[in-house]
Amino acid sequence: MSSEQLQIDLSETIDVDQRSWLVAKLEDERGIISAWFDDENHHRLIVHYEREHFSHTTLLDTIKEHGFHGKIVGG
C-alpha cells in the first residue's frame, strides 16, 4: 500500500465543530488513513491517504461533496 500526504487550504472559515465533522467524514472514506487541521492555520487541512483510492482531484471533489472548497498547497 502506498500512501501520500496532501495539504489543502479551505476557502471557507469553519469553526471547531465543523472541522471535527469534516475530519470524521473524511476518515470514514475508504482509502483515507487520517485527516486533521493544522493547529496554527485553521484553513489548512492535511490528509493522509492511499494513492490507490484517491488522487488530488478526487480528494478535492470529496471535500466539495461535503460542502467545502479548497486548493492544493505546494505540490
C-alpha atoms as a PDB file:
ATOM      1  CA  MET A   1       0.000   0.000   0.000  1.00  0.00           C
ATOM      2  CA  SER A   2       1.462   3.340  -0.969  1.00  0.00           C
ATOM      3  CA  SER A   3       0.273   6.444   0.795  1.00  0.00           C
ATOM      4  CA  GLU A   4       0.710  10.152   0.430  1.00  0.00           C
ATOM      5  CA  GLN A   5       0.032  13.242   2.485  1.00  0.00           C
ATOM      6  CA  LEU A   6      -1.650  16.274   0.963  1.00  0.00           C
ATOM      7  CA  GLN A   7      -2.213  19.785   2.286  1.00  0.00           C
ATOM      8  CA  ILE A   8      -5.379  21.595   1.265  1.00  0.00           C
ATOM      9  CA  ASP A   9      -6.322  25.172   2.112  1.00  0.00           C
ATOM     10  CA  LEU A  10     -10.068  25.520   2.548  1.00  0.00           C
ATOM     11  CA  SER A  11     -11.747  28.632   1.157  1.00  0.00           C
ATOM     12  CA  GLU A  12     -14.317  28.744   3.945  1.00  0.00           C
ATOM     13  CA  THR A  13     -13.733  29.797   7.528  1.00  0.00           C
ATOM     14  CA  ILE A  14     -15.124  26.967   9.627  1.00  0.00           C
ATOM     15  CA  ASP A  15     -15.435  26.596  13.378  1.00  0.00           C
ATOM     16  CA  VAL A  16     -14.070  23.800  15.535  1.00  0.00           C
ATOM     17  CA  ASP A  17     -17.276  21.739  15.315  1.00  0.00           C
ATOM     18  CA  GLN A  18     -17.303  21.942  11.510  1.00  0.00           C
ATOM     19  CA  ARG A  19     -13.619  20.995  11.401  1.00  0.00           C
ATOM     20  CA  SER A  20     -14.245  17.962  13.626  1.00  0.00           C
ATOM     21  CA  TRP A  21     -17.252  16.966  11.499  1.00  0.00           C
ATOM     22  CA  LEU A  22     -15.274  17.212   8.247  1.00  0.00           C
ATOM     23  CA  VAL A  23     -12.351  15.212   9.665  1.00  0.00           C
ATOM     24  CA  ALA A  24     -14.747  12.479  10.840  1.00  0.00           C
ATOM     25  CA  LYS A  25     -16.461  12.354   7.422  1.00  0.00           C
ATOM     26  CA  LEU A  26     -13.139  12.137   5.595  1.00  0.00           C
ATOM     27  CA  GLU A  27     -11.772   9.450   7.905  1.00  0.00           C
ATOM     28  CA  ASP A  28     -14.902   7.378   7.155  1.00  0.00           C
ATOM     29  CA  GLU A  29     -13.945   7.334   3.459  1.00  0.00           C
ATOM     30  CA  ARG A  30     -12.240   4.181   2.239  1.00  0.00           C
ATOM     31  CA  GLY A  31      -8.613   4.997   1.489  1.00  0.00           C
ATOM     32  CA  ILE A  32      -8.231   7.956   3.836  1.00  0.00           C
ATOM     33  CA  ILE A  33      -5.884   6.972   6.622  1.00  0.00           C
ATOM     34  CA  SER A  34      -6.203  10.172   8.657  1.00  0.00           C
ATOM     35  CA  ALA A  35      -7.114  13.829   8.370  1.00  0.00           C
ATOM     36  CA  TRP A  36      -6.502  16.807  10.628  1.00  0.00           C
ATOM     37  CA  PHE A  37      -6.359  20.593  10.646  1.00  0.00           C
ATOM     38  CA  ASP A  38      -3.141  22.491  11.259  1.00  0.00           C
ATOM     39  CA  ASP A  39      -3.179  23.907  14.808  1.00  0.00           C
ATOM     40  CA  GLU A  40      -1.782  27.246  13.630  1.00  0.00           C
ATOM     41  CA  ASN A  41      -3.734  27.623  10.377  1.00  0.00           C
ATOM     42  CA  HIS A  42      -7.353  26.516  10.687  1.00  0.00           C
ATOM     43  CA  HIS A  43      -7.844  26.731   6.913  1.00  0.00           C
ATOM     44  CA  ARG A  44      -5.112  24.112   6.328  1.00  0.00           C
ATOM     45  CA  LEU A  45      -6.386  20.547   6.137  1.00  0.00           C
ATOM     46  CA  ILE A  46      -3.853  17.725   5.978  1.00  0.00           C
ATOM     47  CA  VAL A  47      -4.994  14.385   4.580  1.00  0.00           C
ATOM     48  CA  HIS A  48      -3.004  11.145   4.669  1.00  0.00           C
ATOM     49  CA  TYR A  49      -4.439   8.818   2.047  1.00  0.00           C
ATOM     50  CA  GLU A  50      -3.807   5.728  -0.041  1.00  0.00           C
ATOM     51  CA  ARG A  51      -2.958   6.610  -3.626  1.00  0.00           C
ATOM     52  CA  GLU A  52      -4.821   3.535  -4.851  1.00  0.00           C
ATOM     53  CA  HIS A  53      -8.113   5.077  -3.733  1.00  0.00           C
ATOM     54  CA  PHE A  54      -7.655   8.832  -4.145  1.00  0.00           C
ATOM     55  CA  SER A  55      -5.876  11.412  -6.236  1.00  0.00           C
ATOM     56  CA  HIS A  56      -5.505  15.134  -5.613  1.00  0.00           C
ATOM     57  CA  THR A  57      -8.570  15.762  -7.769  1.00  0.00           C
ATOM     58  CA  THR A  58     -10.779  13.159  -6.131  1.00  0.00           C
ATOM     59  CA  LEU A  59      -9.823  14.454  -2.673  1.00  0.00           C
ATOM     60  CA  LEU A  60     -10.918  17.965  -3.667  1.00  0.00           C
ATOM     61  CA  ASP A  61     -14.129  16.503  -5.116  1.00  0.00           C
ATOM     62  CA  THR A  62     -14.796  14.618  -1.871  1.00  0.00           C
ATOM     63  CA  ILE A  63     -14.318  17.786   0.178  1.00  0.00           C
ATOM     64  CA  LYS A  64     -16.660  19.618  -2.189  1.00  0.00           C
ATOM     65  CA  GLU A  65     -19.293  16.878  -1.732  1.00  0.00           C
ATOM     66  CA  HIS A  66     -19.224  17.731   1.981  1.00  0.00           C
ATOM     67  CA  GLY A  67     -19.900  21.403   1.235  1.00  0.00           C
ATOM     68  CA  PHE A  68     -16.415  22.905   1.306  1.00  0.00           C
ATOM     69  CA  HIS A  69     -13.958  24.175  -1.285  1.00  0.00           C
ATOM     70  CA  GLY A  70     -10.204  24.071  -1.248  1.00  0.00           C
ATOM     71  CA  LYS A  71      -6.993  24.193  -3.198  1.00  0.00           C
ATOM     72  CA  ILE A  72      -3.869  22.072  -3.028  1.00  0.00           C
ATOM     73  CA  VAL A  73      -0.941  23.711  -1.229  1.00  0.00           C
ATOM     74  CA  GLY A  74       2.542  23.143  -2.619  1.00  0.00           C
ATOM     75  CA  GLY A  75       2.815  20.066  -4.695  1.00  0.00           C
END
